[in-house]
Amino acid sequence: TPRTAWLVSEEWPEDIRRALAAAA
């Protein structure tokens, strides 16, 4: 489907956001 673009854009669930912050 060359004339179609698929987009994905999601917020991190809260537990994953906390895990990213903990690793950082």
PDB file of all heavy atoms in Angstrom:
ATOM      1  N   THR A   1       0.870  -1.194   0.000  1.00  0.00           N
ATOM      2  CA  THR A   1       0.000   0.000   0.000  1.00  0.00           C
ATOM      3  C   THR A   1       0.896   1.230   0.000  1.00  0.00           C
ATOM      4  O   THR A   1       1.040   1.905   1.022  1.00  0.00           O
ATOM      5  CB  THR A   1      -0.918  -0.009   1.236  1.00  0.00           C
ATOM      6  OG1 THR A   1      -0.109  -0.152   2.423  1.00  0.00           O
ATOM      7  CG2 THR A   1      -1.921  -1.148   1.175  1.00  0.00           C
ATOM      8  N   PRO A   2       1.512   1.555  -1.137  1.00  0.00           N
ATOM      9  CA  PRO A   2       2.535   2.608  -1.174  1.00  0.00           C
ATOM     10  C   PRO A   2       2.020   4.008  -0.885  1.00  0.00           C
ATOM     11  O   PRO A   2       2.818   4.893  -0.585  1.00  0.00           O
ATOM     12  CB  PRO A   2       3.080   2.507  -2.610  1.00  0.00           C
ATOM     13  CG  PRO A   2       1.986   1.855  -3.395  1.00  0.00           C
ATOM     14  CD  PRO A   2       1.312   0.913  -2.446  1.00  0.00           C
ATOM     15  N   ARG A   3       0.709   4.242  -0.970  1.00  0.00           N
ATOM     16  CA  ARG A   3       0.170   5.580  -0.705  1.00  0.00           C
ATOM     17  C   ARG A   3      -0.337   5.717   0.724  1.00  0.00           C
ATOM     18  O   ARG A   3      -0.996   6.705   1.059  1.00  0.00           O
ATOM     19  CB  ARG A   3      -0.967   5.903  -1.686  1.00  0.00           C
ATOM     20  CG  ARG A   3      -0.605   5.715  -3.150  1.00  0.00           C
ATOM     21  CD  ARG A   3       0.456   6.695  -3.600  1.00  0.00           C
ATOM     22  NE  ARG A   3      -0.005   8.074  -3.525  1.00  0.00           N
ATOM     23  CZ  ARG A   3       0.741   9.129  -3.791  1.00  0.00           C
ATOM     24  NH1 ARG A   3       2.011   8.946  -4.139  1.00  0.00           N
ATOM     25  NH2 ARG A   3       0.263  10.351  -3.711  1.00  0.00           N
ATOM     26  N   THR A   4      -0.045   4.722   1.545  1.00  0.00           N
ATOM     27  CA  THR A   4      -0.507   4.728   2.936  1.00  0.00           C
ATOM     28  C   THR A   4       0.683   4.754   3.884  1.00  0.00           C
ATOM     29  O   THR A   4       1.639   4.010   3.698  1.00  0.00           O
ATOM     30  CB  THR A   4      -1.366   3.485   3.231  1.00  0.00           C
ATOM     31  OG1 THR A   4      -2.523   3.493   2.385  1.00  0.00           O
ATOM     32  CG2 THR A   4      -1.799   3.452   4.694  1.00  0.00           C
ATOM     33  N   ALA A   5       0.589   5.641   4.877  1.00  0.00           N
ATOM     34  CA  ALA A   5       1.603   5.688   5.939  1.00  0.00           C
ATOM     35  C   ALA A   5       0.967   5.223   7.247  1.00  0.00           C
ATOM     36  O   ALA A   5      -0.131   5.676   7.604  1.00  0.00           O
ATOM     37  CB  ALA A   5       2.157   7.098   6.087  1.00  0.00           C
ATOM     38  N   TRP A   6       1.646   4.305   7.927  1.00  0.00           N
ATOM     39  CA  TRP A   6       1.203   3.857   9.238  1.00  0.00           C
ATOM     40  C   TRP A   6       2.004   4.582  10.308  1.00  0.00           C
ATOM     41  O   TRP A   6       3.244   4.598  10.261  1.00  0.00           O
ATOM     42  CB  TRP A   6       1.415   2.356   9.395  1.00  0.00           C
ATOM     43  CG  TRP A   6       0.489   1.494   8.591  1.00  0.00           C
ATOM     44  CD1 TRP A   6       0.672   1.037   7.319  1.00  0.00           C
ATOM     45  CD2 TRP A   6      -0.774   0.973   9.022  1.00  0.00           C
ATOM     46  NE1 TRP A   6      -0.390   0.273   6.922  1.00  0.00           N
ATOM     47  CE2 TRP A   6      -1.294   0.205   7.954  1.00  0.00           C
ATOM     48  CE3 TRP A   6      -1.511   1.077  10.201  1.00  0.00           C
ATOM     49  CZ2 TRP A   6      -2.524  -0.448   8.041  1.00  0.00           C
ATOM     50  CZ3 TRP A   6      -2.731   0.424  10.284  1.00  0.00           C
ATOM     51  CH2 TRP A   6      -3.231  -0.326   9.221  1.00  0.00           C
ATOM     52  N   LEU A   7       1.307   5.159  11.286  1.00  0.00           N
ATOM     53  CA  LEU A   7       1.976   5.885  12.377  1.00  0.00           C
ATOM     54  C   LEU A   7       1.665   5.214  13.711  1.00  0.00           C
ATOM     55  O   LEU A   7       0.560   4.702  13.930  1.00  0.00           O
ATOM     56  CB  LEU A   7       1.514   7.340  12.425  1.00  0.00           C
ATOM     57  CG  LEU A   7       1.650   8.193  11.156  1.00  0.00           C
ATOM     58  CD1 LEU A   7       1.262   9.632  11.461  1.00  0.00           C
ATOM     59  CD2 LEU A   7       3.056   8.114  10.583  1.00  0.00           C
ATOM     60  N   VAL A   8       2.658   5.242  14.604  1.00  0.00           N
ATOM     61  CA  VAL A   8       2.493   4.745  15.969  1.00  0.00           C
ATOM     62  C   VAL A   8       3.058   5.795  16.906  1.00  0.00           C
ATOM     63  O   VAL A   8       4.172   6.301  16.693  1.00  0.00           O
ATOM     64  CB  VAL A   8       3.226   3.401  16.182  1.00  0.00           C
ATOM     65  CG1 VAL A   8       3.119   2.951  17.637  1.00  0.00           C
ATOM     66  CG2 VAL A   8       2.697   2.325  15.242  1.00  0.00           C
ATOM     67  N   SER A   9       2.300   6.158  17.929  1.00  0.00           N
ATOM     68  CA  SER A   9       2.758   7.141  18.909  1.00  0.00           C
ATOM     69  C   SER A   9       2.058   6.867  20.231  1.00  0.00           C
ATOM     70  O   SER A   9       0.835   7.026  20.338  1.00  0.00           O
ATOM     71  CB  SER A   9       2.440   8.566  18.426  1.00  0.00           C
ATOM     72  OG  SER A   9       2.960   9.532  19.304  1.00  0.00           O
ATOM     73  N   GLU A  10       2.820   6.394  21.221  1.00  0.00           N
ATOM     74  CA  GLU A  10       2.230   5.982  22.495  1.00  0.00           C
ATOM     75  C   GLU A  10       2.994   6.570  23.670  1.00  0.00           C
ATOM     76  O   GLU A  10       4.231   6.660  23.635  1.00  0.00           O
ATOM     77  CB  GLU A  10       2.258   4.452  22.614  1.00  0.00           C
ATOM     78  CG  GLU A  10       1.496   3.711  21.536  1.00  0.00           C
ATOM     79  CD  GLU A  10       0.005   3.653  21.797  1.00  0.00           C
ATOM     80  OE1 GLU A  10      -0.455   4.309  22.761  1.00  0.00           O
ATOM     81  OE2 GLU A  10      -0.705   2.951  21.055  1.00  0.00           O
ATOM     82  N   GLU A  11       2.270   6.949  24.693  1.00  0.00           N
ATOM     83  CA  GLU A  11       2.906   7.336  25.952  1.00  0.00           C
ATOM     84  C   GLU A  11       3.369   6.087  26.691  1.00  0.00           C
ATOM     85  O   GLU A  11       2.751   5.020  26.591  1.00  0.00           O
ATOM     86  CB  GLU A  11       1.924   8.110  26.830  1.00  0.00           C
ATOM     87  CG  GLU A  11       1.591   9.493  26.326  1.00  0.00           C
ATOM     88  CD  GLU A  11       0.767  10.272  27.343  1.00  0.00           C
ATOM     89  OE1 GLU A  11       0.424   9.678  28.407  1.00  0.00           O
ATOM     90  OE2 GLU A  11       0.467  11.442  27.088  1.00  0.00           O
ATOM     91  N   TRP A  12       4.474   6.243  27.418  1.00  0.00           N
ATOM     92  CA  TRP A  12       4.917   5.137  28.260  1.00  0.00           C
ATOM     93  C   TRP A  12       3.897   4.906  29.369  1.00  0.00           C
ATOM     94  O   TRP A  12       3.449   5.860  30.016  1.00  0.00           O
ATOM     95  CB  TRP A  12       6.254   5.445  28.920  1.00  0.00           C
ATOM     96  CG  TRP A  12       7.464   5.513  28.039  1.00  0.00           C
ATOM     97  CD1 TRP A  12       8.283   6.580  27.878  1.00  0.00           C
ATOM     98  CD2 TRP A  12       8.012   4.466  27.232  1.00  0.00           C
ATOM     99  NE1 TRP A  12       9.314   6.283  27.016  1.00  0.00           N
ATOM    100  CE2 TRP A  12       9.164   4.977  26.603  1.00  0.00           C
ATOM    101  CE3 TRP A  12       7.636   3.142  26.974  1.00  0.00           C
ATOM    102  CZ2 TRP A  12       9.948   4.218  25.741  1.00  0.00           C
ATOM    103  CZ3 TRP A  12       8.411   2.381  26.108  1.00  0.00           C
ATOM    104  CH2 TRP A  12       9.549   2.913  25.512  1.00  0.00           C
ATOM    105  N   PRO A  13       3.522   3.655  29.626  1.00  0.00           N
ATOM    106  CA  PRO A  13       2.750   3.381  30.848  1.00  0.00           C
ATOM    107  C   PRO A  13       3.556   3.829  32.073  1.00  0.00           C
ATOM    108  O   PRO A  13       4.795   3.865  32.035  1.00  0.00           O
ATOM    109  CB  PRO A  13       2.567   1.854  30.807  1.00  0.00           C
ATOM    110  CG  PRO A  13       2.656   1.510  29.348  1.00  0.00           C
ATOM    111  CD  PRO A  13       3.667   2.464  28.785  1.00  0.00           C
ATOM    112  N   GLU A  14       2.883   4.150  33.140  1.00  0.00           N
ATOM    113  CA  GLU A  14       3.549   4.758  34.285  1.00  0.00           C
ATOM    114  C   GLU A  14       4.650   3.881  34.858  1.00  0.00           C
ATOM    115  O   GLU A  14       5.718   4.376  35.251  1.00  0.00           O
ATOM    116  CB  GLU A  14       2.521   5.083  35.372  1.00  0.00           C
ATOM    117  CG  GLU A  14       3.084   5.919  36.530  1.00  0.00           C
ATOM    118  CD  GLU A  14       3.732   7.225  36.055  1.00  0.00           C
ATOM    119  OE1 GLU A  14       3.228   7.845  35.092  1.00  0.00           O
ATOM    120  OE2 GLU A  14       4.768   7.613  36.659  1.00  0.00           O
ATOM    121  N   ASP A  15       4.448   2.563  34.910  1.00  0.00           N
ATOM    122  CA  ASP A  15       5.491   1.703  35.493  1.00  0.00           C
ATOM    123  C   ASP A  15       6.742   1.677  34.620  1.00  0.00           C
ATOM    124  O   ASP A  15       7.872   1.637  35.133  1.00  0.00           O
ATOM    125  CB  ASP A  15       4.956   0.281  35.704  1.00  0.00           C
ATOM    126  CG  ASP A  15       4.481  -0.368  34.408  1.00  0.00           C
ATOM    127  OD1 ASP A  15       4.048   0.355  33.488  1.00  0.00           O
ATOM    128  OD2 ASP A  15       4.536  -1.610  34.310  1.00  0.00           O
ATOM    129  N   ILE A  16       6.565   1.755  33.319  1.00  0.00           N
ATOM    130  CA  ILE A  16       7.722   1.770  32.429  1.00  0.00           C
ATOM    131  C   ILE A  16       8.437   3.116  32.521  1.00  0.00           C
ATOM    132  O   ILE A  16       9.671   3.189  32.511  1.00  0.00           O
ATOM    133  CB  ILE A  16       7.292   1.467  30.983  1.00  0.00           C
ATOM    134  CG1 ILE A  16       6.672   0.069  30.918  1.00  0.00           C
ATOM    135  CG2 ILE A  16       8.468   1.589  30.022  1.00  0.00           C
ATOM    136  CD1 ILE A  16       6.092  -0.292  29.573  1.00  0.00           C
ATOM    137  N   ARG A  17       7.651   4.201  32.661  1.00  0.00           N
ATOM    138  CA  ARG A  17       8.257   5.523  32.819  1.00  0.00           C
ATOM    139  C   ARG A  17       9.122   5.573  34.086  1.00  0.00           C
ATOM    140  O   ARG A  17      10.228   6.111  34.078  1.00  0.00           O
ATOM    141  CB  ARG A  17       7.164   6.584  32.880  1.00  0.00           C
ATOM    142  CG  ARG A  17       7.678   8.015  32.664  1.00  0.00           C
ATOM    143  CD  ARG A  17       6.617   9.027  33.049  1.00  0.00           C
ATOM    144  NE  ARG A  17       5.319   8.719  32.481  1.00  0.00           N
ATOM    145  CZ  ARG A  17       4.896   9.118  31.281  1.00  0.00           C
ATOM    146  NH1 ARG A  17       5.695   9.837  30.524  1.00  0.00           N
ATOM    147  NH2 ARG A  17       3.697   8.804  30.843  1.00  0.00           N
ATOM    148  N   ARG A  18       8.615   4.964  35.148  1.00  0.00           N
ATOM    149  CA  ARG A  18       9.391   4.939  36.398  1.00  0.00           C
ATOM    150  C   ARG A  18      10.659   4.099  36.230  1.00  0.00           C
ATOM    151  O   ARG A  18      11.722   4.443  36.751  1.00  0.00           O
ATOM    152  CB  ARG A  18       8.537   4.370  37.540  1.00  0.00           C
ATOM    153  CG  ARG A  18       7.438   5.304  38.028  1.00  0.00           C
ATOM    154  CD  ARG A  18       6.916   4.859  39.387  1.00  0.00           C
ATOM    155  NE  ARG A  18       6.442   3.470  39.355  1.00  0.00           N
ATOM    156  CZ  ARG A  18       5.189   3.115  39.093  1.00  0.00           C
ATOM    157  NH1 ARG A  18       4.282   4.050  38.833  1.00  0.00           N
ATOM    158  NH2 ARG A  18       4.837   1.841  39.105  1.00  0.00           N
ATOM    159  N   ALA A  19      10.545   3.002  35.496  1.00  0.00           N
ATOM    160  CA  ALA A  19      11.705   2.139  35.281  1.00  0.00           C
ATOM    161  C   ALA A  19      12.778   2.858  34.468  1.00  0.00           C
ATOM    162  O   ALA A  19      13.981   2.712  34.724  1.00  0.00           O
ATOM    163  CB  ALA A  19      11.276   0.851  34.584  1.00  0.00           C
ATOM    164  N   LEU A  20      12.375   3.632  33.470  1.00  0.00           N
ATOM    165  CA  LEU A  20      13.331   4.411  32.685  1.00  0.00           C
ATOM    166  C   LEU A  20      14.030   5.445  33.556  1.00  0.00           C
ATOM    167  O   LEU A  20      15.243   5.655  33.464  1.00  0.00           O
ATOM    168  CB  LEU A  20      12.616   5.094  31.515  1.00  0.00           C
ATOM    169  CG  LEU A  20      12.239   4.203  30.332  1.00  0.00           C
ATOM    170  CD1 LEU A  20      11.233   4.898  29.431  1.00  0.00           C
ATOM    171  CD2 LEU A  20      13.489   3.821  29.536  1.00  0.00           C
ATOM    172  N   ALA A  21      13.250   6.087  34.410  1.00  0.00           N
ATOM    173  CA  ALA A  21      13.828   7.091  35.306  1.00  0.00           C
ATOM    174  C   ALA A  21      14.795   6.449  36.292  1.00  0.00           C
ATOM    175  O   ALA A  21      15.865   7.004  36.596  1.00  0.00           O
ATOM    176  CB  ALA A  21      12.715   7.824  36.049  1.00  0.00           C
ATOM    177  N   ALA A  22      14.445   5.252  36.801  1.00  0.00           N
ATOM    178  CA  ALA A  22      15.313   4.566  37.756  1.00  0.00           C
ATOM    179  C   ALA A  22      16.649   4.192  37.111  1.00  0.00           C
ATOM    180  O   ALA A  22      17.720   4.339  37.712  1.00  0.00           O
ATOM    181  CB  ALA A  22      14.618   3.315  38.292  1.00  0.00           C
ATOM    182  N   ALA A  23      16.582   3.700  35.856  1.00  0.00           N
ATOM    183  CA  ALA A  23      17.824   3.336  35.164  1.00  0.00           C
ATOM    184  C   ALA A  23      18.669   4.567  34.888  1.00  0.00           C
ATOM    185  O   ALA A  23      19.893   4.542  35.037  1.00  0.00           O
ATOM    186  CB  ALA A  23      17.491   2.610  33.864  1.00  0.00           C
ATOM    187  N   ALA A  24      18.017   5.669  34.503  1.00  0.00           N
ATOM    188  CA  ALA A  24      18.760   6.901  34.219  1.00  0.00           C
ATOM    189  C   ALA A  24      19.426   7.442  35.473  1.00  0.00           C
ATOM    190  O   ALA A  24      20.505   8.055  35.405  1.00  0.00           O
ATOM    191  CB  ALA A  24      17.817   7.944  33.635  1.00  0.00           C
TER     192      ALA A  24
END
